Amino acid sequence: MAGLTLAQAEEKLFQWLAIDTDLQNGQTVRFGERMLTRADSLEVRNNIEYWNQKCQQLGEVYQGRKRSRTVMPLW
């Protein structure tokens, strides 16, 4: 996603966490035009993991820590 900010990613993460909490309490959740139930919990967990990773990546960029790798030949 081009131009994604940390705040936007955190907002998405919080939305998915709230959906997960509601599903654990046995509620059906409307997300856009979809109705999510406990049967969709794997999809919800995958989205939580995805947005958590995005938040971590963007947080590292904002803190100035970028990943770099050095490749050296083994001759």
PDB file of N, CA and C in Angstrom:
ATOM      1  N   MET A   1       0.840  -1.180   0.000  1.00  0.00           N
ATOM      2  CA  MET A   1       0.000   0.000   0.000  1.00  0.00           C
ATOM      3  C   MET A   1       0.881   1.237   0.000  1.00  0.00           C
ATOM      4  N   ALA A   2       0.744   2.001  -0.997  1.00  0.00           N
ATOM      5  CA  ALA A   2       1.551   3.209  -1.107  1.00  0.00           C
ATOM      6  C   ALA A   2       1.002   4.280  -0.186  1.00  0.00           C
ATOM      7  N   GLY A   3       1.879   4.931   0.516  1.00  0.00           N
ATOM      8  CA  GLY A   3       1.470   6.048   1.358  1.00  0.00           C
ATOM      9  C   GLY A   3       0.800   5.652   2.653  1.00  0.00           C
ATOM     10  N   LEU A   4       0.918   4.410   3.068  1.00  0.00           N
ATOM     11  CA  LEU A   4       0.322   3.959   4.319  1.00  0.00           C
ATOM     12  C   LEU A   4       1.109   4.525   5.492  1.00  0.00           C
ATOM     13  N   THR A   5       0.406   5.121   6.441  1.00  0.00           N
ATOM     14  CA  THR A   5       1.071   5.677   7.616  1.00  0.00           C
ATOM     15  C   THR A   5       0.923   4.725   8.793  1.00  0.00           C
ATOM     16  N   LEU A   6       1.740   4.924   9.794  1.00  0.00           N
ATOM     17  CA  LEU A   6       1.672   4.115  11.004  1.00  0.00           C
ATOM     18  C   LEU A   6       0.307   4.276  11.668  1.00  0.00           C
ATOM     19  N   ALA A   7      -0.216   5.479  11.694  1.00  0.00           N
ATOM     20  CA  ALA A   7      -1.518   5.720  12.316  1.00  0.00           C
ATOM     21  C   ALA A   7      -2.626   4.946  11.599  1.00  0.00           C
ATOM     22  N   GLN A   8      -2.575   4.895  10.282  1.00  0.00           N
ATOM     23  CA  GLN A   8      -3.577   4.151   9.518  1.00  0.00           C
ATOM     24  C   GLN A   8      -3.471   2.651   9.796  1.00  0.00           C
ATOM     25  N   ALA A   9      -2.251   2.155   9.833  1.00  0.00           N
ATOM     26  CA  ALA A   9      -2.045   0.735  10.102  1.00  0.00           C
ATOM     27  C   ALA A   9      -2.509   0.380  11.512  1.00  0.00           C
ATOM     28  N   GLU A  10      -2.221   1.242  12.478  1.00  0.00           N
ATOM     29  CA  GLU A  10      -2.669   0.996  13.851  1.00  0.00           C
ATOM     30  C   GLU A  10      -4.189   1.010  13.945  1.00  0.00           C
ATOM     31  N   GLU A  11      -4.831   1.903  13.199  1.00  0.00           N
ATOM     32  CA  GLU A  11      -6.294   1.964  13.200  1.00  0.00           C
ATOM     33  C   GLU A  11      -6.882   0.650  12.677  1.00  0.00           C
ATOM     34  N   LYS A  12      -6.317   0.127  11.594  1.00  0.00           N
ATOM     35  CA  LYS A  12      -6.777  -1.149  11.055  1.00  0.00           C
ATOM     36  C   LYS A  12      -6.549  -2.280  12.056  1.00  0.00           C
ATOM     37  N   LEU A  13      -5.383  -2.276  12.708  1.00  0.00           N
ATOM     38  CA  LEU A  13      -5.086  -3.300  13.708  1.00  0.00           C
ATOM     39  C   LEU A  13      -6.109  -3.245  14.840  1.00  0.00           C
ATOM     40  N   PHE A  14      -6.417  -2.054  15.333  1.00  0.00           N
ATOM     41  CA  PHE A  14      -7.391  -1.907  16.419  1.00  0.00           C
ATOM     42  C   PHE A  14      -8.775  -2.363  15.977  1.00  0.00           C
ATOM     43  N   GLN A  15      -9.148  -2.115  14.718  1.00  0.00           N
ATOM     44  CA  GLN A  15     -10.437  -2.576  14.210  1.00  0.00           C
ATOM     45  C   GLN A  15     -10.515  -4.093  14.231  1.00  0.00           C
ATOM     46  N   TRP A  16      -9.458  -4.755  13.755  1.00  0.00           N
ATOM     47  CA  TRP A  16      -9.459  -6.215  13.725  1.00  0.00           C
ATOM     48  C   TRP A  16      -9.416  -6.803  15.131  1.00  0.00           C
ATOM     49  N   LEU A  17      -8.715  -6.151  16.054  1.00  0.00           N
ATOM     50  CA  LEU A  17      -8.704  -6.621  17.437  1.00  0.00           C
ATOM     51  C   LEU A  17     -10.090  -6.512  18.062  1.00  0.00           C
ATOM     52  N   ALA A  18     -10.802  -5.436  17.764  1.00  0.00           N
ATOM     53  CA  ALA A  18     -12.158  -5.264  18.281  1.00  0.00           C
ATOM     54  C   ALA A  18     -13.091  -6.325  17.699  1.00  0.00           C
ATOM     55  N   ILE A  19     -12.931  -6.619  16.417  1.00  0.00           N
ATOM     56  CA  ILE A  19     -13.744  -7.665  15.790  1.00  0.00           C
ATOM     57  C   ILE A  19     -13.465  -9.003  16.453  1.00  0.00           C
ATOM     58  N   ASP A  20     -12.196  -9.302  16.698  1.00  0.00           N
ATOM     59  CA  ASP A  20     -11.825 -10.561  17.347  1.00  0.00           C
ATOM     60  C   ASP A  20     -12.455 -10.662  18.736  1.00  0.00           C
ATOM     61  N   THR A  21     -12.418  -9.583  19.486  1.00  0.00           N
ATOM     62  CA  THR A  21     -13.017  -9.576  20.826  1.00  0.00           C
ATOM     63  C   THR A  21     -14.520  -9.831  20.760  1.00  0.00           C
ATOM     64  N   ASP A  22     -15.188  -9.179  19.827  1.00  0.00           N
ATOM     65  CA  ASP A  22     -16.630  -9.371  19.673  1.00  0.00           C
ATOM     66  C   ASP A  22     -16.960 -10.810  19.281  1.00  0.00           C
ATOM     67  N   LEU A  23     -16.167 -11.384  18.391  1.00  0.00           N
ATOM     68  CA  LEU A  23     -16.412 -12.762  17.972  1.00  0.00           C
ATOM     69  C   LEU A  23     -16.191 -13.729  19.127  1.00  0.00           C
ATOM     70  N   GLN A  24     -15.201 -13.462  19.959  1.00  0.00           N
ATOM     71  CA  GLN A  24     -14.962 -14.324  21.113  1.00  0.00           C
ATOM     72  C   GLN A  24     -16.112 -14.262  22.108  1.00  0.00           C
ATOM     73  N   ASN A  25     -16.804 -13.147  22.130  1.00  0.00           N
ATOM     74  CA  ASN A  25     -17.962 -12.993  23.016  1.00  0.00           C
ATOM     75  C   ASN A  25     -19.237 -13.536  22.383  1.00  0.00           C
ATOM     76  N   GLY A  26     -19.103 -14.183  21.226  1.00  0.00           N
ATOM     77  CA  GLY A  26     -20.238 -14.817  20.577  1.00  0.00           C
ATOM     78  C   GLY A  26     -21.087 -13.899  19.728  1.00  0.00           C
ATOM     79  N   GLN A  27     -20.605 -12.716  19.454  1.00  0.00           N
ATOM     80  CA  GLN A  27     -21.376 -11.772  18.657  1.00  0.00           C
ATOM     81  C   GLN A  27     -21.060 -11.940  17.174  1.00  0.00           C
ATOM     82  N   THR A  28     -21.991 -11.550  16.351  1.00  0.00           N
ATOM     83  CA  THR A  28     -21.773 -11.467  14.912  1.00  0.00           C
ATOM     84  C   THR A  28     -21.402 -10.023  14.603  1.00  0.00           C
ATOM     85  N   VAL A  29     -20.381  -9.849  13.773  1.00  0.00           N
ATOM     86  CA  VAL A  29     -19.860  -8.512  13.505  1.00  0.00           C
ATOM     87  C   VAL A  29     -20.055  -8.175  12.035  1.00  0.00           C
ATOM     88  N   ARG A  30     -20.551  -6.989  11.785  1.00  0.00           N
ATOM     89  CA  ARG A  30     -20.678  -6.497  10.415  1.00  0.00           C
ATOM     90  C   ARG A  30     -19.417  -5.699  10.082  1.00  0.00           C
ATOM     91  N   PHE A  31     -18.731  -6.111   9.021  1.00  0.00           N
ATOM     92  CA  PHE A  31     -17.506  -5.447   8.582  1.00  0.00           C
ATOM     93  C   PHE A  31     -17.692  -5.079   7.124  1.00  0.00           C
ATOM     94  N   GLY A  32     -17.970  -3.812   6.869  1.00  0.00           N
ATOM     95  CA  GLY A  32     -18.314  -3.396   5.515  1.00  0.00           C
ATOM     96  C   GLY A  32     -19.652  -4.012   5.160  1.00  0.00           C
ATOM     97  N   GLU A  33     -19.670  -4.781   4.094  1.00  0.00           N
ATOM     98  CA  GLU A  33     -20.896  -5.454   3.691  1.00  0.00           C
ATOM     99  C   GLU A  33     -20.922  -6.908   4.131  1.00  0.00           C
ATOM    100  N   ARG A  34     -19.887  -7.329   4.845  1.00  0.00           N
ATOM    101  CA  ARG A  34     -19.776  -8.729   5.280  1.00  0.00           C
ATOM    102  C   ARG A  34     -20.253  -8.896   6.708  1.00  0.00           C
ATOM    103  N   MET A  35     -20.765 -10.080   6.989  1.00  0.00           N
ATOM    104  CA  MET A  35     -21.103 -10.465   8.355  1.00  0.00           C
ATOM    105  C   MET A  35     -20.072 -11.509   8.775  1.00  0.00           C
ATOM    106  N   LEU A  36     -19.345 -11.214   9.839  1.00  0.00           N
ATOM    107  CA  LEU A  36     -18.325 -12.133  10.322  1.00  0.00           C
ATOM    108  C   LEU A  36     -18.855 -12.887  11.534  1.00  0.00           C
ATOM    109  N   THR A  37     -18.571 -14.186  11.572  1.00  0.00           N
ATOM    110  CA  THR A  37     -18.969 -15.030  12.693  1.00  0.00           C
ATOM    111  C   THR A  37     -17.727 -15.741  13.224  1.00  0.00           C
ATOM    112  N   ARG A  38     -17.921 -16.583  14.213  1.00  0.00           N
ATOM    113  CA  ARG A  38     -16.787 -17.341  14.751  1.00  0.00           C
ATOM    114  C   ARG A  38     -16.113 -18.192  13.687  1.00  0.00           C
ATOM    115  N   ALA A  39     -16.856 -18.591  12.686  1.00  0.00           N
ATOM    116  CA  ALA A  39     -16.287 -19.389  11.595  1.00  0.00           C
ATOM    117  C   ALA A  39     -15.220 -18.603  10.827  1.00  0.00           C
ATOM    118  N   ASP A  40     -15.267 -17.287  10.910  1.00  0.00           N
ATOM    119  CA  ASP A  40     -14.296 -16.428  10.220  1.00  0.00           C
ATOM    120  C   ASP A  40     -13.118 -16.059  11.115  1.00  0.00           C
ATOM    121  N   SER A  41     -12.986 -16.704  12.267  1.00  0.00           N
ATOM    122  CA  SER A  41     -11.952 -16.302  13.222  1.00  0.00           C
ATOM    123  C   SER A  41     -10.536 -16.483  12.671  1.00  0.00           C
ATOM    124  N   LEU A  42     -10.313 -17.490  11.824  1.00  0.00           N
ATOM    125  CA  LEU A  42      -8.977 -17.664  11.233  1.00  0.00           C
ATOM    126  C   LEU A  42      -8.625 -16.474  10.345  1.00  0.00           C
ATOM    127  N   GLU A  43      -9.577 -16.020   9.550  1.00  0.00           N
ATOM    128  CA  GLU A  43      -9.355 -14.841   8.706  1.00  0.00           C
ATOM    129  C   GLU A  43      -9.078 -13.606   9.563  1.00  0.00           C
ATOM    130  N   VAL A  44      -9.804 -13.474  10.650  1.00  0.00           N
ATOM    131  CA  VAL A  44      -9.604 -12.338  11.553  1.00  0.00           C
ATOM    132  C   VAL A  44      -8.211 -12.393  12.149  1.00  0.00           C
ATOM    133  N   ARG A  45      -7.793 -13.560  12.617  1.00  0.00           N
ATOM    134  CA  ARG A  45      -6.446 -13.700  13.198  1.00  0.00           C
ATOM    135  C   ARG A  45      -5.360 -13.408  12.167  1.00  0.00           C
ATOM    136  N   ASN A  46      -5.565 -13.851  10.938  1.00  0.00           N
ATOM    137  CA  ASN A  46      -4.587 -13.563   9.876  1.00  0.00           C
ATOM    138  C   ASN A  46      -4.486 -12.064   9.618  1.00  0.00           C
ATOM    139  N   ASN A  47      -5.608 -11.370   9.655  1.00  0.00           N
ATOM    140  CA  ASN A  47      -5.587  -9.920   9.473  1.00  0.00           C
ATOM    141  C   ASN A  47      -4.917  -9.223  10.646  1.00  0.00           C
ATOM    142  N   ILE A  48      -5.111  -9.725  11.846  1.00  0.00           N
ATOM    143  CA  ILE A  48      -4.433  -9.153  13.015  1.00  0.00           C
ATOM    144  C   ILE A  48      -2.925  -9.300  12.858  1.00  0.00           C
ATOM    145  N   GLU A  49      -2.473 -10.483  12.463  1.00  0.00           N
ATOM    146  CA  GLU A  49      -1.034 -10.699  12.263  1.00  0.00           C
ATOM    147  C   GLU A  49      -0.488  -9.793  11.161  1.00  0.00           C
ATOM    148  N   TYR A  50      -1.234  -9.664  10.061  1.00  0.00           N
ATOM    149  CA  TYR A  50      -0.799  -8.830   8.941  1.00  0.00           C
ATOM    150  C   TYR A  50      -0.633  -7.377   9.383  1.00  0.00           C
ATOM    151  N   TRP A  51      -1.666  -6.822  10.037  1.00  0.00           N
ATOM    152  CA  TRP A  51      -1.602  -5.416  10.433  1.00  0.00           C
ATOM    153  C   TRP A  51      -0.606  -5.185  11.557  1.00  0.00           C
ATOM    154  N   ASN A  52      -0.396  -6.173  12.406  1.00  0.00           N
ATOM    155  CA  ASN A  52       0.628  -6.053  13.443  1.00  0.00           C
ATOM    156  C   ASN A  52       2.015  -5.960  12.804  1.00  0.00           C
ATOM    157  N   GLN A  53       2.265  -6.794  11.793  1.00  0.00           N
ATOM    158  CA  GLN A  53       3.549  -6.729  11.088  1.00  0.00           C
ATOM    159  C   GLN A  53       3.732  -5.384  10.388  1.00  0.00           C
ATOM    160  N   LYS A  54       2.657  -4.886   9.774  1.00  0.00           N
ATOM    161  CA  LYS A  54       2.736  -3.579   9.107  1.00  0.00           C
ATOM    162  C   LYS A  54       3.070  -2.486  10.120  1.00  0.00           C
ATOM    163  N   CYS A  55       2.446  -2.540  11.281  1.00  0.00           N
ATOM    164  CA  CYS A  55       2.715  -1.542  12.321  1.00  0.00           C
ATOM    165  C   CYS A  55       4.173  -1.614  12.767  1.00  0.00           C
ATOM    166  N   GLN A  56       4.677  -2.831  12.936  1.00  0.00           N
ATOM    167  CA  GLN A  56       6.074  -2.977  13.335  1.00  0.00           C
ATOM    168  C   GLN A  56       7.019  -2.458  12.267  1.00  0.00           C
ATOM    169  N   GLN A  57       6.734  -2.776  11.001  1.00  0.00           N
ATOM    170  CA  GLN A  57       7.584  -2.294   9.903  1.00  0.00           C
ATOM    171  C   GLN A  57       7.570  -0.775   9.820  1.00  0.00           C
ATOM    172  N   LEU A  58       6.392  -0.193   9.881  1.00  0.00           N
ATOM    173  CA  LEU A  58       6.294   1.265   9.791  1.00  0.00           C
ATOM    174  C   LEU A  58       6.907   1.930  11.016  1.00  0.00           C
ATOM    175  N   GLY A  59       6.772   1.311  12.179  1.00  0.00           N
ATOM    176  CA  GLY A  59       7.379   1.853  13.387  1.00  0.00           C
ATOM    177  C   GLY A  59       8.891   1.880  13.285  1.00  0.00           C
ATOM    178  N   GLU A  60       9.468   0.840  12.680  1.00  0.00           N
ATOM    179  CA  GLU A  60      10.921   0.804  12.497  1.00  0.00           C
ATOM    180  C   GLU A  60      11.375   1.888  11.530  1.00  0.00           C
ATOM    181  N   VAL A  61      10.599   2.114  10.490  1.00  0.00           N
ATOM    182  CA  VAL A  61      10.957   3.147   9.510  1.00  0.00           C
ATOM    183  C   VAL A  61      10.911   4.520  10.165  1.00  0.00           C
ATOM    184  N   TYR A  62       9.858   4.773  10.962  1.00  0.00           N
ATOM    185  CA  TYR A  62       9.737   6.073  11.631  1.00  0.00           C
ATOM    186  C   TYR A  62      10.832   6.282  12.670  1.00  0.00           C
ATOM    187  N   GLN A  63      11.338   5.183  13.228  1.00  0.00           N
ATOM    188  CA  GLN A  63      12.408   5.302  14.213  1.00  0.00           C
ATOM    189  C   GLN A  63      13.781   5.306  13.566  1.00  0.00           C
ATOM    190  N   GLY A  64      13.819   5.183  12.248  1.00  0.00           N
ATOM    191  CA  GLY A  64      15.092   5.236  11.538  1.00  0.00           C
ATOM    192  C   GLY A  64      15.790   3.901  11.434  1.00  0.00           C
ATOM    193  N   ARG A  65      15.137   2.827  11.856  1.00  0.00           N
ATOM    194  CA  ARG A  65      15.759   1.507  11.768  1.00  0.00           C
ATOM    195  C   ARG A  65      15.225   0.788  10.544  1.00  0.00           C
ATOM    196  N   LYS A  66      16.039   0.681   9.550  1.00  0.00           N
ATOM    197  CA  LYS A  66      15.675  -0.056   8.351  1.00  0.00           C
ATOM    198  C   LYS A  66      16.501  -1.323   8.311  1.00  0.00           C
ATOM    199  N   ARG A  67      15.934  -2.331   7.728  1.00  0.00           N
ATOM    200  CA  ARG A  67      16.666  -3.586   7.610  1.00  0.00           C
ATOM    201  C   ARG A  67      17.610  -3.514   6.426  1.00  0.00           C
ATOM    202  N   SER A  68      18.804  -3.967   6.627  1.00  0.00           N
ATOM    203  CA  SER A  68      19.737  -4.089   5.517  1.00  0.00           C
ATOM    204  C   SER A  68      20.494  -5.386   5.702  1.00  0.00           C
ATOM    205  N   ARG A  69      20.912  -5.955   4.616  1.00  0.00           N
ATOM    206  CA  ARG A  69      21.634  -7.208   4.660  1.00  0.00           C
ATOM    207  C   ARG A  69      22.910  -7.056   3.848  1.00  0.00           C
ATOM    208  N   THR A  70      23.944  -7.692   4.325  1.00  0.00           N
ATOM    209  CA  THR A  70      25.198  -7.698   3.614  1.00  0.00           C
ATOM    210  C   THR A  70      25.439  -9.113   3.120  1.00  0.00           C
ATOM    211  N   VAL A  71      25.685  -9.245   1.834  1.00  0.00           N
ATOM    212  CA  VAL A  71      25.951 -10.550   1.251  1.00  0.00           C
ATOM    213  C   VAL A  71      27.415 -10.584   0.869  1.00  0.00           C
ATOM    214  N   MET A  72      28.113 -11.613   1.361  1.00  0.00           N
ATOM    215  CA  MET A  72      29.532 -11.741   1.076  1.00  0.00           C
ATOM    216  C   MET A  72      29.779 -13.109   0.460  1.00  0.00           C
ATOM    217  N   PRO A  73      30.617 -13.165  -0.550  1.00  0.00           N
ATOM    218  CA  PRO A  73      30.926 -14.478  -1.136  1.00  0.00           C
ATOM    219  C   PRO A  73      31.745 -15.319  -0.162  1.00  0.00           C
ATOM    220  N   LEU A  74      31.571 -16.614  -0.261  1.00  0.00           N
ATOM    221  CA  LEU A  74      32.297 -17.531   0.636  1.00  0.00           C
ATOM    222  C   LEU A  74      33.491 -18.175  -0.053  1.00  0.00           C
ATOM    223  N   TRP A  75      34.265 -17.447  -0.870  1.00  0.00           N
ATOM    224  CA  TRP A  75      35.399 -18.018  -1.589  1.00  0.00           C
ATOM    225  C   TRP A  75      36.531 -18.256  -0.669  1.00  0.00           C
TER     226      TRP A  75
END
